[in-house]
Amino acid sequence: MVVNFSDKILVAISQHGRLAHWIHVPLENINPGTNGFHTLPDGEEDSLLPLPNLTATTLLGGHAPGHETINQLYARQIGSAIATKTPNEKRVLVVGLGLDRPQADRDTFFAILDLVLQCI
């Protein structure tokens, strides 16, 4: 689910109705000197990696072993997708995750990100 507010973008990814970890990713001023606009990575860089200046901070939850790291990766990757799609985006991204267990395998990771990209 994606809900847009005037100051925030809320993305919720849930399995079995749970949301156990909330993360925020500020999209404003991630590239100083570009007047709030994000620069796209060069063709030589790996475009599958999240933008290096994005920081994901846990707001609530995420204390289960292994969940915090992979969930922050999801949040940063979603933030990178939004920043790449709309370079002048300055709102804060809030991601709510409720995955049964950390989904670190490649196929699941890309499947979840594909679903989010279809919503934004």
PDB file of N, CA and C in Angstrom:
ATOM      1  N   MET A   1       0.842  -1.162   0.000  1.00  0.00           N
ATOM      2  CA  MET A   1       0.000   0.000   0.000  1.00  0.00           C
ATOM      3  C   MET A   1       0.898   1.239   0.000  1.00  0.00           C
ATOM      4  N   VAL A   2       0.523   2.226  -0.786  1.00  0.00           N
ATOM      5  CA  VAL A   2       1.234   3.502  -0.826  1.00  0.00           C
ATOM      6  C   VAL A   2       0.209   4.607  -0.624  1.00  0.00           C
ATOM      7  N   VAL A   3       0.496   5.508   0.330  1.00  0.00           N
ATOM      8  CA  VAL A   3      -0.351   6.665   0.591  1.00  0.00           C
ATOM      9  C   VAL A   3       0.542   7.899   0.537  1.00  0.00           C
ATOM     10  N   ASN A   4       0.128   8.882  -0.254  1.00  0.00           N
ATOM     11  CA  ASN A   4       0.882  10.132  -0.382  1.00  0.00           C
ATOM     12  C   ASN A   4       0.234  11.221   0.459  1.00  0.00           C
ATOM     13  N   PHE A   5       1.038  11.869   1.284  1.00  0.00           N
ATOM     14  CA  PHE A   5       0.618  13.011   2.074  1.00  0.00           C
ATOM     15  C   PHE A   5       1.402  14.223   1.593  1.00  0.00           C
ATOM     16  N   SER A   6       1.038  15.407   2.047  1.00  0.00           N
ATOM     17  CA  SER A   6       1.740  16.606   1.603  1.00  0.00           C
ATOM     18  C   SER A   6       3.196  16.640   2.074  1.00  0.00           C
ATOM     19  N   ASP A   7       3.491  16.005   3.209  1.00  0.00           N
ATOM     20  CA  ASP A   7       4.851  16.027   3.747  1.00  0.00           C
ATOM     21  C   ASP A   7       5.505  14.653   3.847  1.00  0.00           C
ATOM     22  N   LYS A   8       4.765  13.586   3.532  1.00  0.00           N
ATOM     23  CA  LYS A   8       5.299  12.226   3.665  1.00  0.00           C
ATOM     24  C   LYS A   8       4.768  11.313   2.573  1.00  0.00           C
ATOM     25  N   ILE A   9       5.531  10.271   2.301  1.00  0.00           N
ATOM     26  CA  ILE A   9       5.088   9.167   1.456  1.00  0.00           C
ATOM     27  C   ILE A   9       5.100   7.941   2.359  1.00  0.00           C
ATOM     28  N   LEU A  10       3.972   7.277   2.500  1.00  0.00           N
ATOM     29  CA  LEU A  10       3.872   6.093   3.352  1.00  0.00           C
ATOM     30  C   LEU A  10       3.776   4.858   2.476  1.00  0.00           C
ATOM     31  N   VAL A  11       4.692   3.925   2.685  1.00  0.00           N
ATOM     32  CA  VAL A  11       4.673   2.634   1.987  1.00  0.00           C
ATOM     33  C   VAL A  11       4.558   1.559   3.053  1.00  0.00           C
ATOM     34  N   ALA A  12       3.550   0.717   2.942  1.00  0.00           N
ATOM     35  CA  ALA A  12       3.355  -0.377   3.905  1.00  0.00           C
ATOM     36  C   ALA A  12       3.427  -1.705   3.163  1.00  0.00           C
ATOM     37  N   ILE A  13       4.279  -2.588   3.658  1.00  0.00           N
ATOM     38  CA  ILE A  13       4.442  -3.934   3.095  1.00  0.00           C
ATOM     39  C   ILE A  13       4.163  -4.910   4.223  1.00  0.00           C
ATOM     40  N   SER A  14       3.129  -5.715   4.070  1.00  0.00           N
ATOM     41  CA  SER A  14       2.682  -6.551   5.172  1.00  0.00           C
ATOM     42  C   SER A  14       2.434  -7.986   4.727  1.00  0.00           C
ATOM     43  N   GLN A  15       2.718  -8.907   5.612  1.00  0.00           N
ATOM     44  CA  GLN A  15       2.329 -10.309   5.457  1.00  0.00           C
ATOM     45  C   GLN A  15       1.458 -10.661   6.646  1.00  0.00           C
ATOM     46  N   HIS A  16       0.316 -11.231   6.391  1.00  0.00           N
ATOM     47  CA  HIS A  16      -0.616 -11.656   7.433  1.00  0.00           C
ATOM     48  C   HIS A  16      -1.071 -10.498   8.315  1.00  0.00           C
ATOM     49  N   GLY A  17      -1.172  -9.278   7.737  1.00  0.00           N
ATOM     50  CA  GLY A  17      -1.703  -8.134   8.456  1.00  0.00           C
ATOM     51  C   GLY A  17      -0.800  -7.520   9.511  1.00  0.00           C
ATOM     52  N   ARG A  18       0.442  -7.884   9.551  1.00  0.00           N
ATOM     53  CA  ARG A  18       1.323  -7.326  10.583  1.00  0.00           C
ATOM     54  C   ARG A  18       2.229  -6.234  10.011  1.00  0.00           C
ATOM     55  N   LEU A  19       2.545  -5.261  10.836  1.00  0.00           N
ATOM     56  CA  LEU A  19       3.509  -4.204  10.529  1.00  0.00           C
ATOM     57  C   LEU A  19       4.382  -4.038  11.772  1.00  0.00           C
ATOM     58  N   ALA A  20       5.535  -4.661  11.759  1.00  0.00           N
ATOM     59  CA  ALA A  20       6.352  -4.737  12.959  1.00  0.00           C
ATOM     60  C   ALA A  20       7.535  -3.776  12.971  1.00  0.00           C
ATOM     61  N   HIS A  21       7.850  -3.151  11.836  1.00  0.00           N
ATOM     62  CA  HIS A  21       9.047  -2.312  11.774  1.00  0.00           C
ATOM     63  C   HIS A  21       8.725  -1.085  10.934  1.00  0.00           C
ATOM     64  N   TRP A  22       8.940   0.099  11.510  1.00  0.00           N
ATOM     65  CA  TRP A  22       8.690   1.362  10.824  1.00  0.00           C
ATOM     66  C   TRP A  22      10.017   2.102  10.666  1.00  0.00           C
ATOM     67  N   ILE A  23      10.294   2.545   9.440  1.00  0.00           N
ATOM     68  CA  ILE A  23      11.566   3.178   9.097  1.00  0.00           C
ATOM     69  C   ILE A  23      11.266   4.482   8.364  1.00  0.00           C
ATOM     70  N   HIS A  24      12.070   5.501   8.607  1.00  0.00           N
ATOM     71  CA  HIS A  24      11.901   6.724   7.815  1.00  0.00           C
ATOM     72  C   HIS A  24      13.197   7.030   7.069  1.00  0.00           C
ATOM     73  N   VAL A  25      13.002   7.529   5.841  1.00  0.00           N
ATOM     74  CA  VAL A  25      14.112   7.861   4.948  1.00  0.00           C
ATOM     75  C   VAL A  25      13.868   9.270   4.410  1.00  0.00           C
ATOM     76  N   PRO A  26      14.626  10.273   4.865  1.00  0.00           N
ATOM     77  CA  PRO A  26      14.457  11.621   4.322  1.00  0.00           C
ATOM     78  C   PRO A  26      14.976  11.681   2.884  1.00  0.00           C
ATOM     79  N   LEU A  27      14.168  12.215   1.992  1.00  0.00           N
ATOM     80  CA  LEU A  27      14.578  12.334   0.593  1.00  0.00           C
ATOM     81  C   LEU A  27      15.081  13.734   0.263  1.00  0.00           C
ATOM     82  N   GLU A  28      14.971  14.662   1.215  1.00  0.00           N
ATOM     83  CA  GLU A  28      15.405  16.033   0.999  1.00  0.00           C
ATOM     84  C   GLU A  28      16.906  16.159   1.255  1.00  0.00           C
ATOM     85  N   ASN A  29      17.552  16.888   0.381  1.00  0.00           N
ATOM     86  CA  ASN A  29      18.980  17.212   0.524  1.00  0.00           C
ATOM     87  C   ASN A  29      19.890  15.987   0.592  1.00  0.00           C
ATOM     88  N   ILE A  30      19.599  14.961  -0.196  1.00  0.00           N
ATOM     89  CA  ILE A  30      20.515  13.819  -0.195  1.00  0.00           C
ATOM     90  C   ILE A  30      21.702  14.051  -1.102  1.00  0.00           C
ATOM     91  N   ASN A  31      21.588  15.020  -2.010  1.00  0.00           N
ATOM     92  CA  ASN A  31      22.699  15.393  -2.878  1.00  0.00           C
ATOM     93  C   ASN A  31      22.973  16.885  -2.731  1.00  0.00           C
ATOM     94  N   PRO A  32      23.801  17.273  -1.757  1.00  0.00           N
ATOM     95  CA  PRO A  32      24.083  18.697  -1.584  1.00  0.00           C
ATOM     96  C   PRO A  32      24.649  19.300  -2.870  1.00  0.00           C
ATOM     97  N   GLY A  33      24.235  20.514  -3.145  1.00  0.00           N
ATOM     98  CA  GLY A  33      24.740  21.201  -4.328  1.00  0.00           C
ATOM     99  C   GLY A  33      23.884  21.000  -5.559  1.00  0.00           C
ATOM    100  N   THR A  34      22.825  20.223  -5.460  1.00  0.00           N
ATOM    101  CA  THR A  34      21.962  20.005  -6.614  1.00  0.00           C
ATOM    102  C   THR A  34      20.614  20.687  -6.430  1.00  0.00           C
ATOM    103  N   ASN A  35      20.519  21.606  -5.466  1.00  0.00           N
ATOM    104  CA  ASN A  35      19.298  22.356  -5.205  1.00  0.00           C
ATOM    105  C   ASN A  35      18.094  21.452  -4.958  1.00  0.00           C
ATOM    106  N   GLY A  36      18.291  20.369  -4.234  1.00  0.00           N
ATOM    107  CA  GLY A  36      17.186  19.484  -3.891  1.00  0.00           C
ATOM    108  C   GLY A  36      16.886  18.443  -4.940  1.00  0.00           C
ATOM    109  N   PHE A  37      17.582  18.463  -6.062  1.00  0.00           N
ATOM    110  CA  PHE A  37      17.340  17.468  -7.097  1.00  0.00           C
ATOM    111  C   PHE A  37      18.339  16.335  -6.947  1.00  0.00           C
ATOM    112  N   HIS A  38      17.906  15.146  -7.238  1.00  0.00           N
ATOM    113  CA  HIS A  38      18.755  13.972  -7.117  1.00  0.00           C
ATOM    114  C   HIS A  38      19.454  13.715  -8.445  1.00  0.00           C
ATOM    115  N   THR A  39      20.696  13.281  -8.378  1.00  0.00           N
ATOM    116  CA  THR A  39      21.409  12.952  -9.601  1.00  0.00           C
ATOM    117  C   THR A  39      21.350  11.456  -9.820  1.00  0.00           C
ATOM    118  N   LEU A  40      21.212  11.069 -11.058  1.00  0.00           N
ATOM    119  CA  LEU A  40      21.182   9.657 -11.397  1.00  0.00           C
ATOM    120  C   LEU A  40      22.602   9.116 -11.422  1.00  0.00           C
ATOM    121  N   PRO A  41      22.773   7.838 -11.025  1.00  0.00           N
ATOM    122  CA  PRO A  41      24.121   7.276 -11.057  1.00  0.00           C
ATOM    123  C   PRO A  41      24.631   7.151 -12.485  1.00  0.00           C
ATOM    124  N   ASP A  42      25.954   7.205 -12.634  1.00  0.00           N
ATOM    125  CA  ASP A  42      26.564   7.013 -13.943  1.00  0.00           C
ATOM    126  C   ASP A  42      26.309   5.595 -14.420  1.00  0.00           C
ATOM    127  N   GLY A  43      26.447   5.388 -15.717  1.00  0.00           N
ATOM    128  CA  GLY A  43      26.250   4.064 -16.295  1.00  0.00           C
ATOM    129  C   GLY A  43      27.253   3.045 -15.783  1.00  0.00           C
ATOM    130  N   GLU A  44      28.409   3.538 -15.313  1.00  0.00           N
ATOM    131  CA  GLU A  44      29.436   2.631 -14.813  1.00  0.00           C
ATOM    132  C   GLU A  44      29.113   2.113 -13.418  1.00  0.00           C
ATOM    133  N   GLU A  45      28.293   2.867 -12.662  1.00  0.00           N
ATOM    134  CA  GLU A  45      27.945   2.465 -11.313  1.00  0.00           C
ATOM    135  C   GLU A  45      26.865   1.393 -11.351  1.00  0.00           C
ATOM    136  N   ASP A  46      26.772   0.624 -10.276  1.00  0.00           N
ATOM    137  CA  ASP A  46      25.758  -0.419 -10.181  1.00  0.00           C
ATOM    138  C   ASP A  46      24.422   0.212  -9.818  1.00  0.00           C
ATOM    139  N   SER A  47      23.495   0.253 -10.767  1.00  0.00           N
ATOM    140  CA  SER A  47      22.215   0.914 -10.538  1.00  0.00           C
ATOM    141  C   SER A  47      21.290   0.099  -9.645  1.00  0.00           C
ATOM    142  N   LEU A  48      21.694  -1.113  -9.265  1.00  0.00           N
ATOM    143  CA  LEU A  48      20.878  -1.912  -8.359  1.00  0.00           C
ATOM    144  C   LEU A  48      21.098  -1.528  -6.900  1.00  0.00           C
ATOM    145  N   LEU A  49      22.157  -0.794  -6.620  1.00  0.00           N
ATOM    146  CA  LEU A  49      22.435  -0.372  -5.252  1.00  0.00           C
ATOM    147  C   LEU A  49      21.639   0.888  -4.940  1.00  0.00           C
ATOM    148  N   PRO A  50      21.209   1.054  -3.673  1.00  0.00           N
ATOM    149  CA  PRO A  50      20.500   2.288  -3.318  1.00  0.00           C
ATOM    150  C   PRO A  50      21.436   3.490  -3.388  1.00  0.00           C
ATOM    151  N   LEU A  51      20.857   4.677  -3.521  1.00  0.00           N
ATOM    152  CA  LEU A  51      21.660   5.896  -3.532  1.00  0.00           C
ATOM    153  C   LEU A  51      22.493   5.962  -2.253  1.00  0.00           C
ATOM    154  N   PRO A  52      23.765   6.293  -2.357  1.00  0.00           N
ATOM    155  CA  PRO A  52      24.653   6.221  -1.189  1.00  0.00           C
ATOM    156  C   PRO A  52      24.344   7.227  -0.088  1.00  0.00           C
ATOM    157  N   ASN A  53      23.682   8.333  -0.395  1.00  0.00           N
ATOM    158  CA  ASN A  53      23.433   9.358   0.616  1.00  0.00           C
ATOM    159  C   ASN A  53      22.124   9.168   1.369  1.00  0.00           C
ATOM    160  N   LEU A  54      21.356   8.144   1.047  1.00  0.00           N
ATOM    161  CA  LEU A  54      20.110   7.893   1.760  1.00  0.00           C
ATOM    162  C   LEU A  54      20.399   7.223   3.098  1.00  0.00           C
ATOM    163  N   THR A  55      19.741   7.707   4.127  1.00  0.00           N
ATOM    164  CA  THR A  55      19.877   7.080   5.438  1.00  0.00           C
ATOM    165  C   THR A  55      18.511   6.596   5.900  1.00  0.00           C
ATOM    166  N   ALA A  56      18.477   5.400   6.388  1.00  0.00           N
ATOM    167  CA  ALA A  56      17.247   4.810   6.909  1.00  0.00           C
ATOM    168  C   ALA A  56      17.368   4.721   8.419  1.00  0.00           C
ATOM    169  N   THR A  57      16.369   5.243   9.110  1.00  0.00           N
ATOM    170  CA  THR A  57      16.382   5.264  10.564  1.00  0.00           C
ATOM    171  C   THR A  57      15.142   4.559  11.086  1.00  0.00           C
ATOM    172  N   THR A  58      15.329   3.645  12.027  1.00  0.00           N
ATOM    173  CA  THR A  58      14.209   2.932  12.618  1.00  0.00           C
ATOM    174  C   THR A  58      13.418   3.854  13.530  1.00  0.00           C
ATOM    175  N   LEU A  59      12.100   3.886  13.318  1.00  0.00           N
ATOM    176  CA  LEU A  59      11.209   4.646  14.187  1.00  0.00           C
ATOM    177  C   LEU A  59      10.620   3.757  15.269  1.00  0.00           C
ATOM    178  N   LEU A  60      10.130   2.599  14.877  1.00  0.00           N
ATOM    179  CA  LEU A  60       9.520   1.628  15.797  1.00  0.00           C
ATOM    180  C   LEU A  60       9.873   0.220  15.351  1.00  0.00           C
ATOM    181  N   GLY A  61      10.080  -0.667  16.308  1.00  0.00           N
ATOM    182  CA  GLY A  61      10.296  -2.075  16.016  1.00  0.00           C
ATOM    183  C   GLY A  61      11.660  -2.365  15.435  1.00  0.00           C
ATOM    184  N   GLY A  62      11.767  -3.511  14.739  1.00  0.00           N
ATOM    185  CA  GLY A  62      13.002  -3.897  14.085  1.00  0.00           C
ATOM    186  C   GLY A  62      14.034  -4.511  14.986  1.00  0.00           C
ATOM    187  N   HIS A  63      13.618  -4.958  16.159  1.00  0.00           N
ATOM    188  CA  HIS A  63      14.599  -5.479  17.107  1.00  0.00           C
ATOM    189  C   HIS A  63      14.842  -6.978  16.976  1.00  0.00           C
ATOM    190  N   ALA A  64      14.097  -7.658  16.126  1.00  0.00           N
ATOM    191  CA  ALA A  64      14.330  -9.089  15.916  1.00  0.00           C
ATOM    192  C   ALA A  64      15.648  -9.269  15.159  1.00  0.00           C
ATOM    193  N   PRO A  65      16.423 -10.292  15.514  1.00  0.00           N
ATOM    194  CA  PRO A  65      17.721 -10.493  14.860  1.00  0.00           C
ATOM    195  C   PRO A  65      17.576 -10.622  13.342  1.00  0.00           C
ATOM    196  N   GLY A  66      18.357  -9.816  12.621  1.00  0.00           N
ATOM    197  CA  GLY A  66      18.368  -9.882  11.168  1.00  0.00           C
ATOM    198  C   GLY A  66      17.330  -9.014  10.481  1.00  0.00           C
ATOM    199  N   HIS A  67      16.300  -8.613  11.187  1.00  0.00           N
ATOM    200  CA  HIS A  67      15.237  -7.831  10.551  1.00  0.00           C
ATOM    201  C   HIS A  67      15.667  -6.406  10.243  1.00  0.00           C
ATOM    202  N   GLU A  68      16.369  -5.759  11.169  1.00  0.00           N
ATOM    203  CA  GLU A  68      16.674  -4.335  11.003  1.00  0.00           C
ATOM    204  C   GLU A  68      17.517  -4.075   9.758  1.00  0.00           C
ATOM    205  N   THR A  69      18.538  -4.868   9.527  1.00  0.00           N
ATOM    206  CA  THR A  69      19.437  -4.627   8.396  1.00  0.00           C
ATOM    207  C   THR A  69      18.720  -4.795   7.066  1.00  0.00           C
ATOM    208  N   ILE A  70      18.020  -5.903   6.881  1.00  0.00           N
ATOM    209  CA  ILE A  70      17.360  -6.148   5.600  1.00  0.00           C
ATOM    210  C   ILE A  70      16.199  -5.170   5.403  1.00  0.00           C
ATOM    211  N   ASN A  71      15.490  -4.814   6.465  1.00  0.00           N
ATOM    212  CA  ASN A  71      14.383  -3.869   6.334  1.00  0.00           C
ATOM    213  C   ASN A  71      14.896  -2.474   5.981  1.00  0.00           C
ATOM    214  N   GLN A  72      16.029  -2.072   6.540  1.00  0.00           N
ATOM    215  CA  GLN A  72      16.605  -0.782   6.172  1.00  0.00           C
ATOM    216  C   GLN A  72      17.068  -0.795   4.719  1.00  0.00           C
ATOM    217  N   LEU A  73      17.542  -1.939   4.249  1.00  0.00           N
ATOM    218  CA  LEU A  73      17.907  -2.059   2.836  1.00  0.00           C
ATOM    219  C   LEU A  73      16.676  -1.882   1.950  1.00  0.00           C
ATOM    220  N   TYR A  74      15.566  -2.523   2.332  1.00  0.00           N
ATOM    221  CA  TYR A  74      14.316  -2.330   1.588  1.00  0.00           C
ATOM    222  C   TYR A  74      13.936  -0.846   1.556  1.00  0.00           C
ATOM    223  N   ALA A  75      13.986  -0.177   2.687  1.00  0.00           N
ATOM    224  CA  ALA A  75      13.585   1.226   2.770  1.00  0.00           C
ATOM    225  C   ALA A  75      14.488   2.110   1.911  1.00  0.00           C
ATOM    226  N   ARG A  76      15.788   1.884   1.964  1.00  0.00           N
ATOM    227  CA  ARG A  76      16.722   2.678   1.157  1.00  0.00           C
ATOM    228  C   ARG A  76      16.517   2.418  -0.327  1.00  0.00           C
ATOM    229  N   GLN A  77      16.226   1.179  -0.686  1.00  0.00           N
ATOM    230  CA  GLN A  77      16.009   0.848  -2.095  1.00  0.00           C
ATOM    231  C   GLN A  77      14.717   1.490  -2.607  1.00  0.00           C
ATOM    232  N   ILE A  78      13.685   1.493  -1.787  1.00  0.00           N
ATOM    233  CA  ILE A  78      12.423   2.146  -2.161  1.00  0.00           C
ATOM    234  C   ILE A  78      12.652   3.652  -2.289  1.00  0.00           C
ATOM    235  N   GLY A  79      13.389   4.237  -1.346  1.00  0.00           N
ATOM    236  CA  GLY A  79      13.732   5.657  -1.427  1.00  0.00           C
ATOM    237  C   GLY A  79      14.510   5.982  -2.687  1.00  0.00           C
ATOM    238  N   SER A  80      15.436   5.117  -3.073  1.00  0.00           N
ATOM    239  CA  SER A  80      16.209   5.318  -4.299  1.00  0.00           C
ATOM    240  C   SER A  80      15.307   5.281  -5.526  1.00  0.00           C
ATOM    241  N   ALA A  81      14.350   4.368  -5.531  1.00  0.00           N
ATOM    242  CA  ALA A  81      13.426   4.267  -6.661  1.00  0.00           C
ATOM    243  C   ALA A  81      12.580   5.530  -6.786  1.00  0.00           C
ATOM    244  N   ILE A  82      12.106   6.045  -5.666  1.00  0.00           N
ATOM    245  CA  ILE A  82      11.300   7.266  -5.674  1.00  0.00           C
ATOM    246  C   ILE A  82      12.154   8.455  -6.124  1.00  0.00           C
ATOM    247  N   ALA A  83      13.374   8.570  -5.589  1.00  0.00           N
ATOM    248  CA  ALA A  83      14.259   9.676  -5.936  1.00  0.00           C
ATOM    249  C   ALA A  83      14.661   9.643  -7.408  1.00  0.00           C
ATOM    250  N   THR A  84      14.805   8.458  -7.960  1.00  0.00           N
ATOM    251  CA  THR A  84      15.165   8.329  -9.366  1.00  0.00           C
ATOM    252  C   THR A  84      13.967   8.658 -10.257  1.00  0.00           C
ATOM    253  N   LYS A  85      12.791   8.226  -9.834  1.00  0.00           N
ATOM    254  CA  LYS A  85      11.575   8.452 -10.619  1.00  0.00           C
ATOM    255  C   LYS A  85      11.155   9.926 -10.598  1.00  0.00           C
ATOM    256  N   THR A  86      11.254  10.561  -9.437  1.00  0.00           N
ATOM    257  CA  THR A  86      10.886  11.974  -9.289  1.00  0.00           C
ATOM    258  C   THR A  86      12.046  12.709  -8.624  1.00  0.00           C
ATOM    259  N   PRO A  87      12.975  13.215  -9.413  1.00  0.00           N
ATOM    260  CA  PRO A  87      14.195  13.824  -8.868  1.00  0.00           C
ATOM    261  C   PRO A  87      13.978  15.023  -7.945  1.00  0.00           C
ATOM    262  N   ASN A  88      12.846  15.711  -8.031  1.00  0.00           N
ATOM    263  CA  ASN A  88      12.638  16.873  -7.163  1.00  0.00           C
ATOM    264  C   ASN A  88      11.843  16.522  -5.907  1.00  0.00           C
ATOM    265  N   GLU A  89      11.709  15.249  -5.592  1.00  0.00           N
ATOM    266  CA  GLU A  89      10.963  14.806  -4.407  1.00  0.00           C
ATOM    267  C   GLU A  89      11.702  15.212  -3.136  1.00  0.00           C
ATOM    268  N   LYS A  90      10.975  15.871  -2.204  1.00  0.00           N
ATOM    269  CA  LYS A  90      11.593  16.325  -0.962  1.00  0.00           C
ATOM    270  C   LYS A  90      10.869  15.815   0.277  1.00  0.00           C
ATOM    271  N   ARG A  91       9.822  15.029   0.097  1.00  0.00           N
ATOM    272  CA  ARG A  91       9.086  14.535   1.260  1.00  0.00           C
ATOM    273  C   ARG A  91       9.867  13.433   1.963  1.00  0.00           C
ATOM    274  N   VAL A  92       9.435  13.104   3.154  1.00  0.00           N
ATOM    275  CA  VAL A  92      10.035  12.012   3.924  1.00  0.00           C
ATOM    276  C   VAL A  92       9.314  10.721   3.549  1.00  0.00           C
ATOM    277  N   LEU A  93      10.081   9.682   3.315  1.00  0.00           N
ATOM    278  CA  LEU A  93       9.524   8.356   3.053  1.00  0.00           C
ATOM    279  C   LEU A  93       9.421   7.613   4.375  1.00  0.00           C
ATOM    280  N   VAL A  94       8.239   7.078   4.666  1.00  0.00           N
ATOM    281  CA  VAL A  94       8.039   6.242   5.844  1.00  0.00           C
ATOM    282  C   VAL A  94       7.632   4.860   5.338  1.00  0.00           C
ATOM    283  N   VAL A  95       8.400   3.851   5.729  1.00  0.00           N
ATOM    284  CA  VAL A  95       8.153   2.485   5.281  1.00  0.00           C
ATOM    285  C   VAL A  95       7.773   1.638   6.485  1.00  0.00           C
ATOM    286  N   GLY A  96       6.632   0.983   6.400  1.00  0.00           N
ATOM    287  CA  GLY A  96       6.199   0.032   7.410  1.00  0.00           C
ATOM    288  C   GLY A  96       6.343  -1.370   6.848  1.00  0.00           C
ATOM    289  N   LEU A  97       7.092  -2.200   7.532  1.00  0.00           N
ATOM    290  CA  LEU A  97       7.335  -3.571   7.065  1.00  0.00           C
ATOM    291  C   LEU A  97       6.828  -4.577   8.085  1.00  0.00           C
ATOM    292  N   GLY A  98       6.213  -5.622   7.586  1.00  0.00           N
ATOM    293  CA  GLY A  98       5.729  -6.690   8.448  1.00  0.00           C
ATOM    294  C   GLY A  98       5.958  -8.039   7.808  1.00  0.00           C
ATOM    295  N   LEU A  99       7.201  -8.319   7.467  1.00  0.00           N
ATOM    296  CA  LEU A  99       7.539  -9.597   6.835  1.00  0.00           C
ATOM    297  C   LEU A  99       7.691 -10.675   7.907  1.00  0.00           C
ATOM    298  N   ASP A 100       7.272 -11.893   7.572  1.00  0.00           N
ATOM    299  CA  ASP A 100       7.352 -12.991   8.539  1.00  0.00           C
ATOM    300  C   ASP A 100       8.773 -13.232   9.019  1.00  0.00           C
ATOM    301  N   ARG A 101       9.700 -13.215   8.108  1.00  0.00           N
ATOM    302  CA  ARG A 101      11.109 -13.406   8.445  1.00  0.00           C
ATOM    303  C   ARG A 101      11.922 -12.575   7.458  1.00  0.00           C
ATOM    304  N   PRO A 102      13.151 -12.247   7.779  1.00  0.00           N
ATOM    305  CA  PRO A 102      13.947 -11.439   6.846  1.00  0.00           C
ATOM    306  C   PRO A 102      14.046 -12.134   5.487  1.00  0.00           C
ATOM    307  N   GLN A 103      13.690 -11.412   4.459  1.00  0.00           N
ATOM    308  CA  GLN A 103      13.711 -11.959   3.101  1.00  0.00           C
ATOM    309  C   GLN A 103      14.987 -11.509   2.398  1.00  0.00           C
ATOM    310  N   ALA A 104      16.054 -12.244   2.595  1.00  0.00           N
ATOM    311  CA  ALA A 104      17.347 -11.836   2.064  1.00  0.00           C
ATOM    312  C   ALA A 104      17.669 -12.494   0.727  1.00  0.00           C
ATOM    313  N   ASP A 105      16.862 -13.479   0.295  1.00  0.00           N
ATOM    314  CA  ASP A 105      17.194 -14.100  -0.971  1.00  0.00           C
ATOM    315  C   ASP A 105      16.819 -13.168  -2.116  1.00  0.00           C
ATOM    316  N   ARG A 106      17.568 -13.274  -3.179  1.00  0.00           N
ATOM    317  CA  ARG A 106      17.481 -12.345  -4.304  1.00  0.00           C
ATOM    318  C   ARG A 106      16.092 -12.307  -4.944  1.00  0.00           C
ATOM    319  N   ASP A 107      15.498 -13.452  -5.200  1.00  0.00           N
ATOM    320  CA  ASP A 107      14.201 -13.500  -5.879  1.00  0.00           C
ATOM    321  C   ASP A 107      13.106 -12.817  -5.069  1.00  0.00           C
ATOM    322  N   THR A 108      13.063 -13.077  -3.776  1.00  0.00           N
ATOM    323  CA  THR A 108      12.053 -12.456  -2.915  1.00  0.00           C
ATOM    324  C   THR A 108      12.283 -10.964  -2.813  1.00  0.00           C
ATOM    325  N   PHE A 109      13.541 -10.555  -2.663  1.00  0.00           N
ATOM    326  CA  PHE A 109      13.881  -9.139  -2.573  1.00  0.00           C
ATOM    327  C   PHE A 109      13.376  -8.386  -3.801  1.00  0.00           C
ATOM    328  N   PHE A 110      13.693  -8.893  -4.998  1.00  0.00           N
ATOM    329  CA  PHE A 110      13.279  -8.217  -6.217  1.00  0.00           C
ATOM    330  C   PHE A 110      11.777  -8.307  -6.449  1.00  0.00           C
ATOM    331  N   ALA A 111      11.146  -9.370  -5.999  1.00  0.00           N
ATOM    332  CA  ALA A 111       9.689  -9.482  -6.132  1.00  0.00           C
ATOM    333  C   ALA A 111       8.988  -8.430  -5.283  1.00  0.00           C
ATOM    334  N   ILE A 112       9.467  -8.234  -4.054  1.00  0.00           N
ATOM    335  CA  ILE A 112       8.872  -7.223  -3.177  1.00  0.00           C
ATOM    336  C   ILE A 112       9.111  -5.830  -3.744  1.00  0.00           C
ATOM    337  N   LEU A 113      10.322  -5.548  -4.210  1.00  0.00           N
ATOM    338  CA  LEU A 113      10.605  -4.232  -4.786  1.00  0.00           C
ATOM    339  C   LEU A 113       9.795  -3.997  -6.058  1.00  0.00           C
ATOM    340  N   ASP A 114       9.584  -5.025  -6.853  1.00  0.00           N
ATOM    341  CA  ASP A 114       8.764  -4.894  -8.063  1.00  0.00           C
ATOM    342  C   ASP A 114       7.330  -4.515  -7.715  1.00  0.00           C
ATOM    343  N   LEU A 115       6.783  -5.137  -6.662  1.00  0.00           N
ATOM    344  CA  LEU A 115       5.440  -4.791  -6.223  1.00  0.00           C
ATOM    345  C   LEU A 115       5.349  -3.333  -5.773  1.00  0.00           C
ATOM    346  N   VAL A 116       6.349  -2.879  -5.051  1.00  0.00           N
ATOM    347  CA  VAL A 116       6.362  -1.487  -4.597  1.00  0.00           C
ATOM    348  C   VAL A 116       6.467  -0.542  -5.785  1.00  0.00           C
ATOM    349  N   LEU A 117       7.317  -0.863  -6.749  1.00  0.00           N
ATOM    350  CA  LEU A 117       7.485  -0.003  -7.925  1.00  0.00           C
ATOM    351  C   LEU A 117       6.185   0.110  -8.733  1.00  0.00           C
ATOM    352  N   GLN A 118       5.375  -0.932  -8.714  1.00  0.00           N
ATOM    353  CA  GLN A 118       4.096  -0.877  -9.402  1.00  0.00           C
ATOM    354  C   GLN A 118       3.125   0.071  -8.683  1.00  0.00           C
ATOM    355  N   CYS A 119       3.325   0.264  -7.384  1.00  0.00           N
ATOM    356  CA  CYS A 119       2.426   1.118  -6.594  1.00  0.00           C
ATOM    357  C   CYS A 119       2.828   2.592  -6.603  1.00  0.00           C
ATOM    358  N   ILE A 120       4.114   2.875  -6.782  1.00  0.00           N
ATOM    359  CA  ILE A 120       4.531   4.287  -6.709  1.00  0.00           C
ATOM    360  C   ILE A 120       4.442   4.970  -8.056  1.00  0.00           C
TER     361      ILE A 120
END
